[in-house]
Amino acid sequence: MPQSYKTAADATSLDSAGLSKKGKLKPDYYQERLRELQIELVKLQRWIFESKNSLIAIFEGGELTGKSGVIKALTERLDASIVRVARQKAASSSKWYFARFVSLLPRKGEIAAFDRGWYRKATLEKAIGRCDDEAYEKHIHQIASFEQTLAEEGFLIYKYMLTISKEELNARLEKQKNDPLGRLRLTEIELKSAKLYDEYAKAEAEALSRTHAPRAPWFEVKCDDKRLARLGVLAHLLGEIDYKGKDRKALGELESKVVRDYAPMVRY
């Protein structure tokens, strides 16, 4: 995970009118930009449907990094009949791990946003010690094979790793603890997330280096500013695909600093 984060003012060329005194996006500016990007997302969905493509967007990251917020921003204005939010289904340990995801894959003309998807075992479970080295090696090789097969079958695959600083993680955790409703929603793993920060960072870094591929690439997202991260992911995804009717001016330049291409240190 990155060791330091800049404010929105440092990370983008935003006009100061869109920033708070703390350098984060103002709600009004965020809503205006979100609307512009969601209009483009509707165009993208129409193109996906008409061209019979299938889009997979995977969102991975530690606890409280904002995966649900990004996915909501991506999907909330789209036609629910041809977009789905996919989360891991329970399955017996004797069953092929990836079988639980096959039914969640998008059909031709559909979009699927995966909340962790098949990366839970390689990141979260690795970090908390539920996946030993032998099981990890088997799983990481199967991920590469599974995604290669999907790419060869014509699926468009984009993977986003959401990261926050340790300071921001602690701040979000404390804020939720101090909220009666938020405290009730905290899971056991979320409560331990600050202590697991370094372990998760190691598992995350290895998973990225082992599963980054040209047709199933990883992108890293700075999420200390939740609103900026959401806009950055939407703009980046839209920028990656040549859909019909694209308004490049509407995408802005947020993704150039908030979302970056993953550059592997080691090639496998």
C-alpha atoms as a PDB file:
ATOM      1  CA  MET A   1       0.000   0.000   0.000  1.00  0.00           C
ATOM      2  CA  PRO A   2       1.223   3.539  -0.634  1.00  0.00           C
ATOM      3  CA  GLN A   3       2.905   5.078   2.405  1.00  0.00           C
ATOM      4  CA  SER A   4       1.614   8.603   1.887  1.00  0.00           C
ATOM      5  CA  TYR A   5      -1.317  10.314   0.237  1.00  0.00           C
ATOM      6  CA  LYS A   6      -1.855  13.774  -1.185  1.00  0.00           C
ATOM      7  CA  THR A   7      -5.017  15.796  -0.835  1.00  0.00           C
ATOM      8  CA  ALA A   8      -7.341  16.222  -3.780  1.00  0.00           C
ATOM      9  CA  ALA A   9      -5.823  19.664  -4.316  1.00  0.00           C
ATOM     10  CA  ASP A  10      -2.380  18.084  -4.799  1.00  0.00           C
ATOM     11  CA  ALA A  11      -3.586  15.088  -6.761  1.00  0.00           C
ATOM     12  CA  THR A  12      -5.614  16.876  -9.411  1.00  0.00           C
ATOM     13  CA  SER A  13      -5.895  20.167 -11.234  1.00  0.00           C
ATOM     14  CA  LEU A  14      -9.339  20.804  -9.751  1.00  0.00           C
ATOM     15  CA  ASP A  15     -10.497  24.355  -9.377  1.00  0.00           C
ATOM     16  CA  SER A  16     -10.392  25.404  -5.717  1.00  0.00           C
ATOM     17  CA  ALA A  17     -14.157  25.971  -5.849  1.00  0.00           C
ATOM     18  CA  GLY A  18     -14.588  22.201  -5.837  1.00  0.00           C
ATOM     19  CA  LEU A  19     -12.504  21.635  -2.713  1.00  0.00           C
ATOM     20  CA  SER A  20     -13.148  21.969   0.991  1.00  0.00           C
ATOM     21  CA  LYS A  21     -10.712  23.719   3.350  1.00  0.00           C
ATOM     22  CA  LYS A  22      -9.188  20.294   4.031  1.00  0.00           C
ATOM     23  CA  GLY A  23      -8.504  19.797   0.329  1.00  0.00           C
ATOM     24  CA  LYS A  24     -11.193  17.163  -0.248  1.00  0.00           C
ATOM     25  CA  LEU A  25     -14.042  17.256  -2.727  1.00  0.00           C
ATOM     26  CA  LYS A  26     -17.092  19.287  -1.775  1.00  0.00           C
ATOM     27  CA  PRO A  27     -20.392  17.353  -1.885  1.00  0.00           C
ATOM     28  CA  ASP A  28     -21.948  19.655  -4.498  1.00  0.00           C
ATOM     29  CA  TYR A  29     -18.967  19.366  -6.828  1.00  0.00           C
ATOM     30  CA  TYR A  30     -18.912  15.606  -6.335  1.00  0.00           C
ATOM     31  CA  GLN A  31     -22.602  15.233  -7.227  1.00  0.00           C
ATOM     32  CA  GLU A  32     -22.169  17.344 -10.363  1.00  0.00           C
ATOM     33  CA  ARG A  33     -19.186  15.313 -11.576  1.00  0.00           C
ATOM     34  CA  LEU A  34     -20.833  12.033 -10.601  1.00  0.00           C
ATOM     35  CA  ARG A  35     -23.849  12.883 -12.750  1.00  0.00           C
ATOM     36  CA  GLU A  36     -21.624  13.655 -15.732  1.00  0.00           C
ATOM     37  CA  LEU A  37     -19.786  10.365 -15.381  1.00  0.00           C
ATOM     38  CA  GLN A  38     -22.956   8.354 -14.808  1.00  0.00           C
ATOM     39  CA  ILE A  39     -24.357   9.732 -18.066  1.00  0.00           C
ATOM     40  CA  GLU A  40     -21.265   8.309 -19.750  1.00  0.00           C
ATOM     41  CA  LEU A  41     -21.794   5.012 -17.924  1.00  0.00           C
ATOM     42  CA  VAL A  42     -25.279   4.760 -19.428  1.00  0.00           C
ATOM     43  CA  LYS A  43     -23.692   5.205 -22.870  1.00  0.00           C
ATOM     44  CA  LEU A  44     -21.163   2.506 -22.005  1.00  0.00           C
ATOM     45  CA  GLN A  45     -23.891   0.122 -20.883  1.00  0.00           C
ATOM     46  CA  ARG A  46     -25.862   0.727 -24.084  1.00  0.00           C
ATOM     47  CA  TRP A  47     -22.740  -0.049 -26.130  1.00  0.00           C
ATOM     48  CA  ILE A  48     -22.052  -3.203 -24.079  1.00  0.00           C
ATOM     49  CA  PHE A  49     -25.630  -4.360 -24.679  1.00  0.00           C
ATOM     50  CA  GLU A  50     -25.727  -3.559 -28.386  1.00  0.00           C
ATOM     51  CA  SER A  51     -22.267  -4.965 -29.143  1.00  0.00           C
ATOM     52  CA  LYS A  52     -22.924  -8.110 -27.059  1.00  0.00           C
ATOM     53  CA  ASN A  53     -19.756  -7.615 -25.061  1.00  0.00           C
ATOM     54  CA  SER A  54     -19.425  -8.759 -21.444  1.00  0.00           C
ATOM     55  CA  LEU A  55     -17.686  -6.510 -18.902  1.00  0.00           C
ATOM     56  CA  ILE A  56     -16.193  -7.679 -15.597  1.00  0.00           C
ATOM     57  CA  ALA A  57     -14.999  -5.067 -13.093  1.00  0.00           C
ATOM     58  CA  ILE A  58     -13.356  -6.478  -9.951  1.00  0.00           C
ATOM     59  CA  PHE A  59     -12.949  -4.310  -6.846  1.00  0.00           C
ATOM     60  CA  GLU A  60     -10.477  -5.567  -4.257  1.00  0.00           C
ATOM     61  CA  GLY A  61      -9.038  -3.915  -1.179  1.00  0.00           C
ATOM     62  CA  GLY A  62      -8.780  -4.066   2.588  1.00  0.00           C
ATOM     63  CA  GLU A  63     -11.560  -3.386   5.035  1.00  0.00           C
ATOM     64  CA  LEU A  64     -13.114   0.099   4.999  1.00  0.00           C
ATOM     65  CA  THR A  65     -11.394   1.093   1.754  1.00  0.00           C
ATOM     66  CA  GLY A  66     -14.724   2.000   0.148  1.00  0.00           C
ATOM     67  CA  LYS A  67     -15.408  -0.864  -2.264  1.00  0.00           C
ATOM     68  CA  SER A  68     -19.181  -0.731  -1.737  1.00  0.00           C
ATOM     69  CA  GLY A  69     -19.290   3.029  -2.382  1.00  0.00           C
ATOM     70  CA  VAL A  70     -17.385   2.688  -5.663  1.00  0.00           C
ATOM     71  CA  ILE A  71     -19.625  -0.153  -6.812  1.00  0.00           C
ATOM     72  CA  LYS A  72     -22.756   1.809  -5.926  1.00  0.00           C
ATOM     73  CA  ALA A  73     -21.511   4.846  -7.874  1.00  0.00           C
ATOM     74  CA  LEU A  74     -20.824   2.572 -10.849  1.00  0.00           C
ATOM     75  CA  THR A  75     -24.137   0.710 -10.909  1.00  0.00           C
ATOM     76  CA  GLU A  76     -26.848   2.868  -9.338  1.00  0.00           C
ATOM     77  CA  ARG A  77     -27.953   4.608 -12.573  1.00  0.00           C
ATOM     78  CA  LEU A  78     -27.628   1.633 -14.881  1.00  0.00           C
ATOM     79  CA  ASP A  79     -30.355  -0.712 -16.093  1.00  0.00           C
ATOM     80  CA  ALA A  80     -30.587  -3.277 -13.300  1.00  0.00           C
ATOM     81  CA  SER A  81     -31.674  -5.986 -15.720  1.00  0.00           C
ATOM     82  CA  ILE A  82     -28.272  -6.064 -17.414  1.00  0.00           C
ATOM     83  CA  VAL A  83     -25.919  -5.062 -14.578  1.00  0.00           C
ATOM     84  CA  ARG A  84     -25.269  -7.026 -11.413  1.00  0.00           C
ATOM     85  CA  VAL A  85     -23.262  -6.691  -8.227  1.00  0.00           C
ATOM     86  CA  ALA A  86     -21.604 -10.037  -7.613  1.00  0.00           C
ATOM     87  CA  ARG A  87     -20.362 -11.257  -4.261  1.00  0.00           C
ATOM     88  CA  GLN A  88     -18.887 -14.598  -3.272  1.00  0.00           C
ATOM     89  CA  LYS A  89     -21.387 -17.356  -2.680  1.00  0.00           C
ATOM     90  CA  ALA A  90     -20.945 -19.941   0.043  1.00  0.00           C
ATOM     91  CA  ALA A  91     -19.827 -23.341  -1.196  1.00  0.00           C
ATOM     92  CA  SER A  92     -18.583 -26.584   0.277  1.00  0.00           C
ATOM     93  CA  SER A  93     -14.818 -26.962   0.595  1.00  0.00           C
ATOM     94  CA  SER A  94     -14.890 -29.982  -1.720  1.00  0.00           C
ATOM     95  CA  LYS A  95     -16.318 -27.983  -4.610  1.00  0.00           C
ATOM     96  CA  TRP A  96     -14.126 -26.273  -7.218  1.00  0.00           C
ATOM     97  CA  TYR A  97     -13.581 -22.795  -5.781  1.00  0.00           C
ATOM     98  CA  PHE A  98     -14.396 -20.933  -8.979  1.00  0.00           C
ATOM     99  CA  ALA A  99     -17.677 -22.779  -9.537  1.00  0.00           C
ATOM    100  CA  ARG A 100     -19.410 -20.345  -7.187  1.00  0.00           C
ATOM    101  CA  PHE A 101     -18.517 -17.465  -9.518  1.00  0.00           C
ATOM    102  CA  VAL A 102     -19.450 -18.960 -12.874  1.00  0.00           C
ATOM    103  CA  SER A 103     -23.163 -18.271 -12.401  1.00  0.00           C
ATOM    104  CA  LEU A 104     -22.312 -14.664 -11.504  1.00  0.00           C
ATOM    105  CA  LEU A 105     -20.420 -13.937 -14.702  1.00  0.00           C
ATOM    106  CA  PRO A 106     -22.094 -11.475 -17.072  1.00  0.00           C
ATOM    107  CA  ARG A 107     -23.793 -12.867 -20.134  1.00  0.00           C
ATOM    108  CA  LYS A 108     -23.389 -11.212 -23.527  1.00  0.00           C
ATOM    109  CA  GLY A 109     -24.503  -7.596 -23.268  1.00  0.00           C
ATOM    110  CA  GLU A 110     -24.121  -7.450 -19.473  1.00  0.00           C
ATOM    111  CA  ILE A 111     -21.887  -5.850 -16.834  1.00  0.00           C
ATOM    112  CA  ALA A 112     -20.862  -7.473 -13.545  1.00  0.00           C
ATOM    113  CA  ALA A 113     -19.140  -5.639 -10.684  1.00  0.00           C
ATOM    114  CA  PHE A 114     -17.413  -8.074  -8.325  1.00  0.00           C
ATOM    115  CA  ASP A 115     -16.881  -7.154  -4.678  1.00  0.00           C
ATOM    116  CA  ARG A 116     -13.582  -8.992  -4.170  1.00  0.00           C
ATOM    117  CA  GLY A 117     -14.814 -11.902  -6.257  1.00  0.00           C
ATOM    118  CA  TRP A 118     -12.288 -14.737  -6.501  1.00  0.00           C
ATOM    119  CA  TYR A 119      -9.541 -12.672  -4.801  1.00  0.00           C
ATOM    120  CA  ARG A 120     -10.796 -13.051  -1.221  1.00  0.00           C
ATOM    121  CA  LYS A 121      -8.771 -16.218  -0.684  1.00  0.00           C
ATOM    122  CA  ALA A 122      -5.575 -14.684  -2.088  1.00  0.00           C
ATOM    123  CA  THR A 123      -5.793 -11.452  -0.081  1.00  0.00           C
ATOM    124  CA  LEU A 124      -8.013 -11.362   2.995  1.00  0.00           C
ATOM    125  CA  GLU A 125      -7.787 -15.062   3.862  1.00  0.00           C
ATOM    126  CA  LYS A 126      -4.035 -15.047   3.234  1.00  0.00           C
ATOM    127  CA  ALA A 127      -3.619 -12.032   5.517  1.00  0.00           C
ATOM    128  CA  ILE A 128      -5.561 -13.543   8.411  1.00  0.00           C
ATOM    129  CA  GLY A 129      -3.920 -16.961   8.099  1.00  0.00           C
ATOM    130  CA  ARG A 130      -6.826 -18.951   6.681  1.00  0.00           C
ATOM    131  CA  CYS A 131      -4.954 -19.821   3.479  1.00  0.00           C
ATOM    132  CA  ASP A 132      -1.647 -21.674   3.920  1.00  0.00           C
ATOM    133  CA  ASP A 133       1.236 -21.483   1.462  1.00  0.00           C
ATOM    134  CA  GLU A 134       0.338 -24.671  -0.415  1.00  0.00           C
ATOM    135  CA  ALA A 135      -3.300 -23.678  -0.859  1.00  0.00           C
ATOM    136  CA  TYR A 136      -2.241 -20.163  -1.826  1.00  0.00           C
ATOM    137  CA  GLU A 137       0.109 -21.326  -4.599  1.00  0.00           C
ATOM    138  CA  LYS A 138      -2.587 -23.583  -6.029  1.00  0.00           C
ATOM    139  CA  HIS A 139      -5.165 -20.819  -5.892  1.00  0.00           C
ATOM    140  CA  ILE A 140      -2.986 -18.093  -7.397  1.00  0.00           C
ATOM    141  CA  HIS A 141      -2.164 -20.305 -10.407  1.00  0.00           C
ATOM    142  CA  GLN A 142      -5.839 -21.137 -10.855  1.00  0.00           C
ATOM    143  CA  ILE A 143      -6.722 -17.419 -10.820  1.00  0.00           C
ATOM    144  CA  ALA A 144      -4.330 -16.775 -13.706  1.00  0.00           C
ATOM    145  CA  SER A 145      -5.717 -19.717 -15.658  1.00  0.00           C
ATOM    146  CA  PHE A 146      -9.333 -18.786 -14.930  1.00  0.00           C
ATOM    147  CA  GLU A 147      -8.874 -15.178 -16.038  1.00  0.00           C
ATOM    148  CA  GLN A 148      -6.951 -16.198 -19.150  1.00  0.00           C
ATOM    149  CA  THR A 149      -9.863 -18.436 -20.119  1.00  0.00           C
ATOM    150  CA  LEU A 150     -12.330 -15.590 -19.524  1.00  0.00           C
ATOM    151  CA  ALA A 151     -10.246 -13.227 -21.653  1.00  0.00           C
ATOM    152  CA  GLU A 152     -10.005 -15.784 -24.449  1.00  0.00           C
ATOM    153  CA  GLU A 153     -13.788 -16.136 -24.352  1.00  0.00           C
ATOM    154  CA  GLY A 154     -14.096 -12.387 -24.979  1.00  0.00           C
ATOM    155  CA  PHE A 155     -14.795 -11.009 -21.505  1.00  0.00           C
ATOM    156  CA  LEU A 156     -13.501  -7.475 -20.882  1.00  0.00           C
ATOM    157  CA  ILE A 157     -11.740  -7.582 -17.492  1.00  0.00           C
ATOM    158  CA  TYR A 158     -10.614  -4.633 -15.360  1.00  0.00           C
ATOM    159  CA  LYS A 159      -9.368  -5.053 -11.788  1.00  0.00           C
ATOM    160  CA  TYR A 160      -9.097  -2.239  -9.229  1.00  0.00           C
ATOM    161  CA  MET A 161      -7.151  -2.480  -5.972  1.00  0.00           C
ATOM    162  CA  LEU A 162      -8.420   0.125  -3.500  1.00  0.00           C
ATOM    163  CA  THR A 163      -5.910   1.331  -0.897  1.00  0.00           C
ATOM    164  CA  ILE A 164      -5.943   3.738   2.028  1.00  0.00           C
ATOM    165  CA  SER A 165      -3.255   4.937   4.401  1.00  0.00           C
ATOM    166  CA  LYS A 166      -3.029   3.449   7.883  1.00  0.00           C
ATOM    167  CA  GLU A 167      -3.961   6.843   9.330  1.00  0.00           C
ATOM    168  CA  GLU A 168      -7.139   7.021   7.255  1.00  0.00           C
ATOM    169  CA  LEU A 169      -8.041   3.441   8.158  1.00  0.00           C
ATOM    170  CA  ASN A 170      -7.768   4.267  11.860  1.00  0.00           C
ATOM    171  CA  ALA A 171      -9.839   7.421  11.372  1.00  0.00           C
ATOM    172  CA  ARG A 172     -12.633   5.540   9.567  1.00  0.00           C
ATOM    173  CA  LEU A 173     -12.596   2.785  12.157  1.00  0.00           C
ATOM    174  CA  GLU A 174     -12.878   5.233  15.051  1.00  0.00           C
ATOM    175  CA  LYS A 175     -15.658   7.169  13.334  1.00  0.00           C
ATOM    176  CA  GLN A 176     -17.673   3.993  12.846  1.00  0.00           C
ATOM    177  CA  LYS A 177     -17.039   2.867  16.417  1.00  0.00           C
ATOM    178  CA  ASN A 178     -18.402   6.186  17.681  1.00  0.00           C
ATOM    179  CA  ASP A 179     -21.587   5.817  15.614  1.00  0.00           C
ATOM    180  CA  PRO A 180     -24.120   3.538  17.399  1.00  0.00           C
ATOM    181  CA  LEU A 181     -25.408   2.140  14.105  1.00  0.00           C
ATOM    182  CA  GLY A 182     -21.988   1.983  12.520  1.00  0.00           C
ATOM    183  CA  ARG A 183     -20.581   0.137  15.506  1.00  0.00           C
ATOM    184  CA  LEU A 184     -23.222  -2.572  15.168  1.00  0.00           C
ATOM    185  CA  ARG A 185     -22.274  -3.100  11.509  1.00  0.00           C
ATOM    186  CA  LEU A 186     -18.577  -3.585  12.197  1.00  0.00           C
ATOM    187  CA  THR A 187     -17.426  -7.147  11.551  1.00  0.00           C
ATOM    188  CA  GLU A 188     -14.785  -8.991  13.547  1.00  0.00           C
ATOM    189  CA  ILE A 189     -12.329  -8.656  10.663  1.00  0.00           C
ATOM    190  CA  GLU A 190     -12.999  -4.917  10.331  1.00  0.00           C
ATOM    191  CA  LEU A 191     -12.287  -4.460  14.042  1.00  0.00           C
ATOM    192  CA  LYS A 192      -8.914  -6.155  13.501  1.00  0.00           C
ATOM    193  CA  SER A 193      -8.176  -4.351  10.231  1.00  0.00           C
ATOM    194  CA  ALA A 194      -5.701  -1.837  11.698  1.00  0.00           C
ATOM    195  CA  LYS A 195      -3.597  -4.623  13.238  1.00  0.00           C
ATOM    196  CA  LEU A 196      -3.754  -6.559   9.959  1.00  0.00           C
ATOM    197  CA  TYR A 197      -2.769  -3.577   7.803  1.00  0.00           C
ATOM    198  CA  ASP A 198       0.794  -4.705   7.080  1.00  0.00           C
ATOM    199  CA  GLU A 199      -0.178  -8.349   6.556  1.00  0.00           C
ATOM    200  CA  TYR A 200      -2.860  -7.342   4.111  1.00  0.00           C
ATOM    201  CA  ALA A 201      -0.435  -5.052   2.280  1.00  0.00           C
ATOM    202  CA  LYS A 202       1.956  -7.963   1.762  1.00  0.00           C
ATOM    203  CA  ALA A 203      -0.779 -10.304   0.533  1.00  0.00           C
ATOM    204  CA  GLU A 204      -2.151  -7.581  -1.697  1.00  0.00           C
ATOM    205  CA  ALA A 205       1.229  -6.793  -3.265  1.00  0.00           C
ATOM    206  CA  GLU A 206       1.930 -10.439  -4.027  1.00  0.00           C
ATOM    207  CA  ALA A 207      -1.532 -11.037  -5.471  1.00  0.00           C
ATOM    208  CA  LEU A 208      -1.115  -8.078  -7.811  1.00  0.00           C
ATOM    209  CA  SER A 209       2.324  -9.162  -8.983  1.00  0.00           C
ATOM    210  CA  ARG A 210       1.168 -12.734  -9.581  1.00  0.00           C
ATOM    211  CA  THR A 211      -2.115 -12.018 -11.380  1.00  0.00           C
ATOM    212  CA  HIS A 212      -1.505  -8.848 -13.410  1.00  0.00           C
ATOM    213  CA  ALA A 213      -1.896  -9.639 -17.113  1.00  0.00           C
ATOM    214  CA  PRO A 214      -2.397  -7.572 -20.293  1.00  0.00           C
ATOM    215  CA  ARG A 215      -5.961  -8.848 -20.780  1.00  0.00           C
ATOM    216  CA  ALA A 216      -6.798  -8.811 -17.059  1.00  0.00           C
ATOM    217  CA  PRO A 217      -4.877  -5.787 -15.762  1.00  0.00           C
ATOM    218  CA  TRP A 218      -4.718  -4.349 -12.261  1.00  0.00           C
ATOM    219  CA  PHE A 219      -5.096  -0.666 -11.438  1.00  0.00           C
ATOM    220  CA  GLU A 220      -4.331   0.877  -8.047  1.00  0.00           C
ATOM    221  CA  VAL A 221      -6.676   3.460  -6.529  1.00  0.00           C
ATOM    222  CA  LYS A 222      -5.898   5.960  -3.758  1.00  0.00           C
ATOM    223  CA  CYS A 223      -9.005   6.094  -1.564  1.00  0.00           C
ATOM    224  CA  ASP A 224      -8.249   8.415   1.352  1.00  0.00           C
ATOM    225  CA  ASP A 225     -10.791  10.767  -0.262  1.00  0.00           C
ATOM    226  CA  LYS A 226     -13.776   8.494  -0.920  1.00  0.00           C
ATOM    227  CA  ARG A 227     -15.528  10.862  -3.311  1.00  0.00           C
ATOM    228  CA  LEU A 228     -12.408  11.500  -5.356  1.00  0.00           C
ATOM    229  CA  ALA A 229     -11.724   7.759  -5.549  1.00  0.00           C
ATOM    230  CA  ARG A 230     -15.220   7.024  -6.871  1.00  0.00           C
ATOM    231  CA  LEU A 231     -14.948   9.652  -9.564  1.00  0.00           C
ATOM    232  CA  GLY A 232     -11.455   8.478 -10.442  1.00  0.00           C
ATOM    233  CA  VAL A 233     -12.497   4.850 -10.905  1.00  0.00           C
ATOM    234  CA  LEU A 234     -15.514   5.750 -13.037  1.00  0.00           C
ATOM    235  CA  ALA A 235     -13.483   8.116 -15.215  1.00  0.00           C
ATOM    236  CA  HIS A 236     -10.691   5.578 -15.591  1.00  0.00           C
ATOM    237  CA  LEU A 237     -12.971   2.692 -16.571  1.00  0.00           C
ATOM    238  CA  LEU A 238     -14.781   4.877 -19.073  1.00  0.00           C
ATOM    239  CA  GLY A 239     -11.462   6.010 -20.473  1.00  0.00           C
ATOM    240  CA  GLU A 240     -10.296   2.432 -21.011  1.00  0.00           C
ATOM    241  CA  ILE A 241     -13.167   1.432 -23.314  1.00  0.00           C
ATOM    242  CA  ASP A 242     -13.976   2.883 -26.741  1.00  0.00           C
ATOM    243  CA  TYR A 243     -17.764   2.930 -26.496  1.00  0.00           C
ATOM    244  CA  LYS A 244     -20.112   4.692 -28.869  1.00  0.00           C
ATOM    245  CA  GLY A 245     -20.817   8.376 -28.170  1.00  0.00           C
ATOM    246  CA  LYS A 246     -17.998   8.901 -25.664  1.00  0.00           C
ATOM    247  CA  ASP A 247     -17.595  12.490 -24.453  1.00  0.00           C
ATOM    248  CA  ARG A 248     -13.928  12.630 -23.498  1.00  0.00           C
ATOM    249  CA  LYS A 249     -14.305  16.087 -21.966  1.00  0.00           C
ATOM    250  CA  ALA A 250     -16.786  14.675 -19.465  1.00  0.00           C
ATOM    251  CA  LEU A 251     -14.169  12.233 -18.179  1.00  0.00           C
ATOM    252  CA  GLY A 252     -11.805  14.948 -16.983  1.00  0.00           C
ATOM    253  CA  GLU A 253      -8.340  14.113 -15.699  1.00  0.00           C
ATOM    254  CA  LEU A 254      -9.123  12.687 -12.276  1.00  0.00           C
ATOM    255  CA  GLU A 255      -7.929   9.200 -13.125  1.00  0.00           C
ATOM    256  CA  SER A 256      -4.444  10.418 -14.049  1.00  0.00           C
ATOM    257  CA  LYS A 257      -3.532  10.820 -10.364  1.00  0.00           C
ATOM    258  CA  VAL A 258      -6.155   8.896  -8.399  1.00  0.00           C
ATOM    259  CA  VAL A 259      -5.948   5.682 -10.445  1.00  0.00           C
ATOM    260  CA  ARG A 260      -2.634   4.432 -11.722  1.00  0.00           C
ATOM    261  CA  ASP A 261      -1.561   1.488 -13.862  1.00  0.00           C
ATOM    262  CA  TYR A 262      -0.017  -1.307 -11.854  1.00  0.00           C
ATOM    263  CA  ALA A 263       3.668  -1.717 -12.648  1.00  0.00           C
ATOM    264  CA  PRO A 264       4.821  -5.220 -11.608  1.00  0.00           C
ATOM    265  CA  MET A 265       8.216  -5.461  -9.969  1.00  0.00           C
ATOM    266  CA  VAL A 266       8.578  -9.138 -10.879  1.00  0.00           C
ATOM    267  CA  ARG A 267       7.344 -10.898 -14.006  1.00  0.00           C
ATOM    268  CA  TYR A 268       5.934 -14.426 -13.821  1.00  0.00           C
END
